[in-house]
């Protein structure tokens, strides 16, 4: 069986080097908010090109804390998409705000800029927009940023699936007021558990985030900001991320090669394949489309190829959230019925990629 995302392969590849990284933390006697956390924040900010990086416990905390940092709360609204796994929606609801969902582009699966431009606000305008760079492909962030700037709408990038993606020589995370990262074990830059971060070049926001991640403290045991939480990255995760950050570019290149091979060689007319340009895409997931998804998924499984669906239920249909400000999301709902992710990670062998391609081509719908 070719596992959908076999994270153990990376651990086996790293071998004794990874063990040494972990053992050094164990020997240090400092397991939270120590030198590895401090150094990772410095190195990650330098990598992205921002002034600050603030490490956190996970990516969803990053989204919620970002919203709190820019003052989003009850009776506010935030523009986002409904096809990205409910993470942004969860954060928006946690701060008491409401999402305004915009449909997505059928080619990129990211926010449809023309649909964004057609938005009309009968009452209070939204205060923020969360841009999700889905599946490793950057959204049209330049156009979105210009639209938001004219309307005084704050921008948060959700970069959980786009570590290392660039446009115009700028990394994902460097186009907004705040940008959020997840380092979940399946991400392009993975930890060995949950971990996250926010990056920004706004020192005032960085100071607020530093406080919000640790109970809202200004000084120890002194709460200065309401709405704080315990969301700290531990030293082991920080040390692992420092080690793996050095190889991010190489591993992204391998993901792109696999995605390009699929796009060049999957020829089945019943399967729609994405185009994978080098710029602005780091192939976090390779997502195909078919009107007969259950049949294809079963055929793949019967031939020892695992697959997954990212994501099967749009946010506006979760828990019947019809109280959210939503419009017609025709593409979002159609995609949810047709998308299927096939294995695409750096540790796949060439023969496995060839085999997966051949199985896709053998499927007779």
Protein backbone atom coordinates (compact mmCIF):
# COMPACT_ATOMS: atom_id res chain seq x y z
CA UNK A 1 0.00 0.00 0.00
CA UNK A 2 1.31 3.44 -0.93
CA UNK A 3 0.28 5.50 2.09
CA UNK A 4 -1.24 8.88 1.30
CA UNK A 5 1.36 10.79 3.33
CA UNK A 6 3.97 8.52 4.89
CA UNK A 7 5.63 10.88 7.39
CA UNK A 8 7.69 8.06 8.89
CA UNK A 9 9.79 7.96 5.71
CA UNK A 10 11.19 11.42 6.46
CA UNK A 11 12.02 10.41 10.03
CA UNK A 12 13.80 7.28 8.79
CA UNK A 13 15.72 9.38 6.25
CA UNK A 14 16.85 11.88 8.87
CA UNK A 15 17.95 9.06 11.18
CA UNK A 16 20.67 9.89 13.70
CA UNK A 17 20.68 13.60 12.81
CA UNK A 18 17.10 14.00 14.03
CA UNK A 19 17.84 11.97 17.16
CA UNK A 20 20.78 14.26 17.92
CA UNK A 21 18.58 17.35 17.55
CA UNK A 22 16.07 15.93 20.04
CA UNK A 23 18.74 14.65 22.45
CA UNK A 24 20.38 18.07 22.56
CA UNK A 25 17.09 19.55 23.77
CA UNK A 26 16.68 16.82 26.37
CA UNK A 27 20.20 17.45 27.66
CA UNK A 28 19.61 21.20 27.88
CA UNK A 29 17.04 20.92 30.65
CA UNK A 30 14.96 23.71 29.03
CA UNK A 31 11.80 22.52 27.29
CA UNK A 32 9.64 25.62 26.74
CA UNK A 33 10.41 29.17 25.57
CA UNK A 34 14.17 28.56 25.48
CA UNK A 35 16.96 29.21 23.00
CA UNK A 36 15.57 26.96 20.26
CA UNK A 37 12.27 28.84 20.25
CA UNK A 38 14.07 32.18 20.20
CA UNK A 39 16.41 31.10 17.41
CA UNK A 40 13.67 29.50 15.32
CA UNK A 41 11.62 32.70 15.49
CA UNK A 42 14.65 34.71 14.33
CA UNK A 43 15.54 32.27 11.53
CA UNK A 44 11.97 31.85 10.29
CA UNK A 45 11.38 35.62 10.19
CA UNK A 46 14.60 36.02 8.20
CA UNK A 47 13.52 33.25 5.83
CA UNK A 48 10.10 34.78 5.16
CA UNK A 49 11.48 38.32 5.06
CA UNK A 50 9.47 39.80 7.92
CA UNK A 51 10.64 41.62 11.02
CA UNK A 52 9.00 39.24 13.48
CA UNK A 53 7.96 35.62 13.87
CA UNK A 54 6.07 34.55 16.98
CA UNK A 55 5.88 30.80 17.58
CA UNK A 56 2.66 29.20 18.83
CA UNK A 57 1.16 25.85 19.72
CA UNK A 58 -0.62 25.31 16.38
CA UNK A 59 -1.89 26.96 13.21
CA UNK A 60 -5.50 27.42 14.33
CA UNK A 61 -4.32 29.36 17.37
CA UNK A 62 -2.33 31.50 14.95
CA UNK A 63 -5.49 32.41 13.05
CA UNK A 64 -7.49 33.15 16.19
CA UNK A 65 -4.74 35.20 17.85
CA UNK A 66 -4.19 37.15 14.62
CA UNK A 67 -7.86 38.10 14.55
CA UNK A 68 -7.73 39.18 18.20
CA UNK A 69 -4.53 41.16 17.59
CA UNK A 70 -6.17 43.30 14.91
CA UNK A 71 -9.26 43.84 17.04
CA UNK A 72 -11.79 41.48 15.46
CA UNK A 73 -14.61 40.57 17.84
CA UNK A 74 -18.34 40.34 18.33
CA UNK A 75 -20.50 41.79 15.54
CA UNK A 76 -17.50 42.05 13.18
CA UNK A 77 -17.23 40.16 9.91
CA UNK A 78 -14.29 38.59 8.09
CA UNK A 79 -14.07 37.64 4.40
CA UNK A 80 -12.82 34.12 3.70
CA UNK A 81 -13.42 31.02 1.59
CA UNK A 82 -15.46 27.95 2.51
CA UNK A 83 -13.35 25.22 0.86
CA UNK A 84 -10.29 25.22 3.12
CA UNK A 85 -11.08 22.77 5.89
CA UNK A 86 -13.02 25.00 8.32
CA UNK A 87 -9.86 26.34 10.01
CA UNK A 88 -10.42 30.02 9.25
CA UNK A 89 -14.12 29.67 10.00
CA UNK A 90 -13.33 28.13 13.38
CA UNK A 91 -11.04 31.01 14.30
CA UNK A 92 -13.57 33.61 13.14
CA UNK A 93 -16.33 32.06 15.27
CA UNK A 94 -14.00 31.74 18.27
CA UNK A 95 -13.55 35.52 18.40
CA UNK A 96 -17.30 36.06 18.04
CA UNK A 97 -17.23 37.33 14.46
CA UNK A 98 -19.06 36.09 11.36
CA UNK A 99 -17.53 34.86 8.10
CA UNK A 100 -18.45 36.33 4.75
CA UNK A 101 -17.79 33.54 2.28
CA UNK A 102 -16.64 34.22 -1.27
CA UNK A 103 -16.69 31.53 -3.94
CA UNK A 104 -13.47 30.13 -5.39
CA UNK A 105 -11.89 29.98 -8.81
CA UNK A 106 -12.49 26.60 -10.56
CA UNK A 107 -8.88 26.45 -11.81
CA UNK A 108 -6.82 27.58 -8.81
CA UNK A 109 -9.36 26.57 -6.09
CA UNK A 110 -8.39 29.83 -4.34
CA UNK A 111 -10.55 32.89 -3.68
CA UNK A 112 -12.16 34.16 -6.90
CA UNK A 113 -10.98 37.76 -7.21
CA UNK A 114 -13.83 38.74 -9.54
CA UNK A 115 -16.35 37.45 -7.00
CA UNK A 116 -14.52 39.44 -4.32
CA UNK A 117 -14.75 42.61 -6.39
CA UNK A 118 -18.50 42.13 -6.80
CA UNK A 119 -19.17 42.08 -3.05
CA UNK A 120 -21.61 44.67 -1.77
CA UNK A 121 -22.04 45.47 1.91
CA UNK A 122 -25.47 46.58 3.01
CA UNK A 123 -24.45 47.28 6.60
CA UNK A 124 -21.06 47.44 8.28
CA UNK A 125 -18.12 46.59 6.04
CA UNK A 126 -15.87 43.66 7.00
CA UNK A 127 -12.77 44.47 9.03
CA UNK A 128 -10.49 41.73 7.72
CA UNK A 129 -9.93 39.19 4.97
CA UNK A 130 -8.20 35.83 5.39
CA UNK A 131 -6.36 34.75 2.23
CA UNK A 132 -5.86 30.99 2.15
CA UNK A 133 -3.08 29.75 -0.15
CA UNK A 134 -4.71 26.38 -0.72
CA UNK A 135 -2.87 23.17 -1.65
CA UNK A 136 0.43 25.07 -1.90
CA UNK A 137 -0.68 27.55 -4.60
CA UNK A 138 -0.51 31.26 -3.77
CA UNK A 139 -3.73 33.22 -4.23
CA UNK A 140 -3.78 36.36 -6.37
CA UNK A 141 -2.49 38.17 -3.33
CA UNK A 142 -1.34 41.31 -5.15
CA UNK A 143 -4.83 42.09 -6.50
CA UNK A 144 -6.50 41.13 -3.22
CA UNK A 145 -4.10 43.36 -1.27
CA UNK A 146 -4.89 46.37 -3.48
CA UNK A 147 -8.64 45.77 -3.09
CA UNK A 148 -8.33 45.55 0.69
CA UNK A 149 -6.04 48.58 1.00
CA UNK A 150 -8.59 50.81 -0.73
CA UNK A 151 -11.24 49.72 1.78
CA UNK A 152 -9.08 49.74 4.93
CA UNK A 153 -9.55 45.99 5.36
CA UNK A 154 -6.81 44.13 7.23
CA UNK A 155 -5.26 41.09 5.56
CA UNK A 156 -4.29 37.81 7.18
CA UNK A 157 -2.56 35.16 5.07
CA UNK A 158 -3.23 31.52 5.89
CA UNK A 159 0.07 29.96 4.81
CA UNK A 160 -0.47 26.56 6.42
CA UNK A 161 -0.07 24.84 3.03
CA UNK A 162 2.35 27.21 1.30
CA UNK A 163 5.67 27.24 3.18
CA UNK A 164 8.31 28.47 0.75
CA UNK A 165 6.01 29.51 -2.10
CA UNK A 166 7.06 32.75 -3.82
CA UNK A 167 5.75 35.39 -6.18
CA UNK A 168 7.89 38.29 -7.40
CA UNK A 169 10.75 37.10 -5.16
CA UNK A 170 8.62 37.41 -2.02
CA UNK A 171 7.63 34.47 0.17
CA UNK A 172 4.12 33.58 1.22
CA UNK A 173 3.57 35.39 4.49
CA UNK A 174 5.13 38.64 3.32
CA UNK A 175 2.09 40.16 1.60
CA UNK A 176 -0.15 40.96 4.55
CA UNK A 177 -0.56 42.56 7.96
CA UNK A 178 -0.19 39.15 9.59
CA UNK A 179 0.46 35.65 8.24
CA UNK A 180 -0.25 32.34 9.92
CA UNK A 181 1.63 29.06 9.58
CA UNK A 182 0.96 25.53 10.74
CA UNK A 183 3.79 23.05 11.17
CA UNK A 184 1.58 19.98 11.55
CA UNK A 185 3.51 16.78 10.68
CA UNK A 186 2.10 16.58 7.13
CA UNK A 187 3.01 20.17 6.15
CA UNK A 188 5.82 21.17 3.79
CA UNK A 189 7.75 22.32 6.87
CA UNK A 190 6.71 19.73 9.46
CA UNK A 191 7.20 19.39 13.19
CA UNK A 192 6.73 16.10 15.06
CA UNK A 193 3.45 17.30 16.52
CA UNK A 194 1.35 20.44 16.53
CA UNK A 195 3.12 23.78 16.17
CA UNK A 196 2.40 27.13 14.51
CA UNK A 197 3.59 30.69 14.06
CA UNK A 198 2.55 34.19 13.07
CA UNK A 199 4.85 36.45 11.07
CA UNK A 200 4.55 40.22 10.69
CA UNK A 201 6.60 43.34 10.11
CA UNK A 202 4.34 45.39 12.40
CA UNK A 203 6.11 45.72 15.78
CA UNK A 204 2.93 46.82 17.57
CA UNK A 205 1.05 43.71 16.40
CA UNK A 206 4.04 41.50 17.23
CA UNK A 207 4.01 42.81 20.79
CA UNK A 208 0.29 42.11 21.15
CA UNK A 209 0.69 38.58 19.76
CA UNK A 210 3.57 37.89 22.14
CA UNK A 211 1.27 38.83 25.00
CA UNK A 212 -1.81 36.98 23.68
CA UNK A 213 0.06 33.70 23.27
CA UNK A 214 0.92 33.70 26.98
CA UNK A 215 -2.26 34.56 28.91
CA UNK A 216 -2.24 38.20 27.81
CA UNK A 217 0.68 38.91 30.14
CA UNK A 218 2.69 42.10 29.94
CA UNK A 219 4.94 40.90 32.71
CA UNK A 220 4.77 37.49 34.38
CA UNK A 221 1.40 36.95 36.09
CA UNK A 222 0.22 40.44 35.05
CA UNK A 223 -2.56 40.37 32.48
CA UNK A 224 -2.53 43.41 30.22
CA UNK A 225 -4.64 42.17 27.27
CA UNK A 226 -7.94 40.23 27.52
CA UNK A 227 -8.47 37.11 25.42
CA UNK A 228 -5.02 35.61 25.93
CA UNK A 229 -4.29 31.89 26.02
CA UNK A 230 -1.52 29.38 26.58
CA UNK A 231 -0.20 28.79 23.06
CA UNK A 232 3.54 28.22 23.25
CA UNK A 233 5.74 26.14 20.96
CA UNK A 234 7.90 23.69 22.91
CA UNK A 235 11.69 23.47 22.55
CA UNK A 236 11.70 20.09 20.82
CA UNK A 237 9.38 21.28 18.04
CA UNK A 238 11.41 24.47 17.62
CA UNK A 239 14.66 22.50 17.37
CA UNK A 240 13.17 20.13 14.78
CA UNK A 241 11.82 23.04 12.73
CA UNK A 242 15.22 24.79 12.79
CA UNK A 243 16.79 21.60 11.47
CA UNK A 244 14.15 21.02 8.79
CA UNK A 245 13.97 24.64 7.64
CA UNK A 246 17.39 24.17 6.04
CA UNK A 247 16.00 21.48 3.72
CA UNK A 248 12.65 23.11 2.90
CA UNK A 249 13.68 24.36 -0.54
CA UNK A 250 15.00 20.96 -1.63
CA UNK A 251 11.92 19.12 -0.41
CA UNK A 252 9.61 21.64 -2.10
CA UNK A 253 11.51 21.12 -5.36
CA UNK A 254 10.89 17.38 -5.10
CA UNK A 255 7.17 17.96 -4.48
CA UNK A 256 6.99 20.16 -7.58
CA UNK A 257 8.76 17.52 -9.72
CA UNK A 258 6.23 14.90 -8.64
CA UNK A 259 3.31 17.23 -9.35
CA UNK A 260 4.74 18.14 -12.76
CA UNK A 261 5.13 14.45 -13.60
CA UNK A 262 1.50 13.79 -12.73
CA UNK A 263 0.31 16.78 -14.76
CA UNK A 264 2.36 15.69 -17.78
CA UNK A 265 1.50 11.99 -17.68
CA UNK A 266 -1.99 11.46 -16.29
CA UNK A 267 -3.98 11.28 -19.54
CA UNK A 268 -7.26 9.77 -18.42
CA UNK A 269 -10.06 11.87 -19.97
CA UNK A 270 -12.26 11.19 -16.93
CA UNK A 271 -9.76 12.89 -14.64
CA UNK A 272 -9.15 16.65 -14.57
CA UNK A 273 -5.62 17.51 -13.50
CA UNK A 274 -4.22 20.80 -12.16
CA UNK A 275 -1.52 22.76 -13.89
CA UNK A 276 1.52 23.19 -11.67
CA UNK A 277 3.60 26.28 -12.42
CA UNK A 278 6.91 26.57 -10.63
CA UNK A 279 6.36 30.10 -9.33
CA UNK A 280 3.79 30.50 -6.59
CA UNK A 281 3.20 26.77 -6.05
CA UNK A 282 4.92 24.31 -3.74
CA UNK A 283 2.62 21.32 -4.37
CA UNK A 284 1.55 20.71 -0.80
CA UNK A 285 -1.24 18.55 -2.21
CA UNK A 286 -1.94 17.23 -5.69
CA UNK A 287 -5.68 17.48 -6.18
CA UNK A 288 -7.44 15.96 -9.18
CA UNK A 289 -11.14 16.15 -10.10
CA UNK A 290 -13.66 13.63 -11.36
CA UNK A 291 -17.42 13.34 -11.43
CA UNK A 292 -17.06 9.74 -10.25
CA UNK A 293 -14.93 10.19 -7.17
CA UNK A 294 -16.14 7.19 -5.11
CA UNK A 295 -15.43 4.86 -8.02
CA UNK A 296 -11.95 6.27 -8.62
CA UNK A 297 -11.07 6.25 -4.93
CA UNK A 298 -12.16 2.60 -4.65
CA UNK A 299 -10.17 1.67 -7.78
CA UNK A 300 -7.04 3.33 -6.38
CA UNK A 301 -7.46 1.57 -3.04
CA UNK A 302 -7.97 -1.80 -4.71
CA UNK A 303 -4.65 -1.17 -6.43
CA UNK A 304 -2.85 -0.24 -3.20
CA UNK A 305 -2.91 3.54 -3.61
CA UNK A 306 -4.37 5.55 -0.74
CA UNK A 307 -6.07 8.89 -1.39
CA UNK A 308 -7.90 11.57 0.59
CA UNK A 309 -10.42 14.39 0.15
CA UNK A 310 -9.43 17.98 0.99
CA UNK A 311 -12.16 18.92 1.86
CA UNK A 312 -15.50 17.07 1.58
CA UNK A 313 -17.84 19.53 3.36
CA UNK A 314 -17.69 23.29 2.68
CA UNK A 315 -17.55 25.49 5.77
CA UNK A 316 -20.92 27.14 5.17
CA UNK A 317 -22.58 23.72 5.25
CA UNK A 318 -20.85 22.55 8.44
CA UNK A 319 -23.26 22.37 11.38
CA UNK A 320 -25.80 24.06 9.10
CA UNK A 321 -24.05 27.41 9.51
CA UNK A 322 -26.60 29.15 7.38
CA UNK A 323 -26.49 32.15 9.72
CA UNK A 324 -23.15 33.10 8.15
CA UNK A 325 -23.21 35.79 5.50
CA UNK A 326 -22.87 33.61 2.42
CA UNK A 327 -23.72 33.98 -1.21
CA UNK A 328 -24.00 31.42 -3.97
CA UNK A 329 -20.93 29.21 -3.67
CA UNK A 330 -21.50 27.07 -6.74
CA UNK A 331 -17.85 26.27 -7.43
CA UNK A 332 -17.09 25.57 -3.79
CA UNK A 333 -19.92 23.05 -3.54
CA UNK A 334 -19.09 21.41 -6.89
CA UNK A 335 -15.43 21.03 -5.97
CA UNK A 336 -16.36 19.40 -2.67
CA UNK A 337 -18.08 16.65 -4.64
CA UNK A 338 -15.31 16.08 -7.19
CA UNK A 339 -11.86 16.70 -5.67
CA UNK A 340 -9.50 13.88 -4.72
CA UNK A 341 -5.94 14.14 -3.42
CA UNK A 342 -3.39 11.54 -4.51
CA UNK A 343 0.02 10.99 -2.86
CA UNK A 344 2.50 13.83 -3.39
CA UNK A 345 5.35 14.07 -0.90
CA UNK A 346 9.13 14.16 -1.32
CA UNK A 347 9.81 10.65 -0.04
CA UNK A 348 7.81 8.96 -2.81
CA UNK A 349 10.06 7.00 -5.13
CA UNK A 350 10.08 7.54 -8.89
CA UNK A 351 8.66 4.04 -9.40
CA UNK A 352 5.80 4.80 -7.01
CA UNK A 353 4.95 8.02 -8.84
CA UNK A 354 5.02 6.11 -12.14
CA UNK A 355 2.79 3.42 -10.65
CA UNK A 356 0.22 5.90 -9.28
CA UNK A 357 0.13 7.60 -12.67
CA UNK A 358 -0.41 4.30 -14.48
CA UNK A 359 -3.23 3.30 -12.11
CA UNK A 360 -4.97 6.64 -12.74
CA UNK A 361 -4.66 6.03 -16.47
CA UNK A 362 -5.94 2.47 -16.20
CA UNK A 363 -9.16 3.53 -14.48
CA UNK A 364 -12.09 3.03 -16.85
CA UNK A 365 -15.03 5.11 -15.69
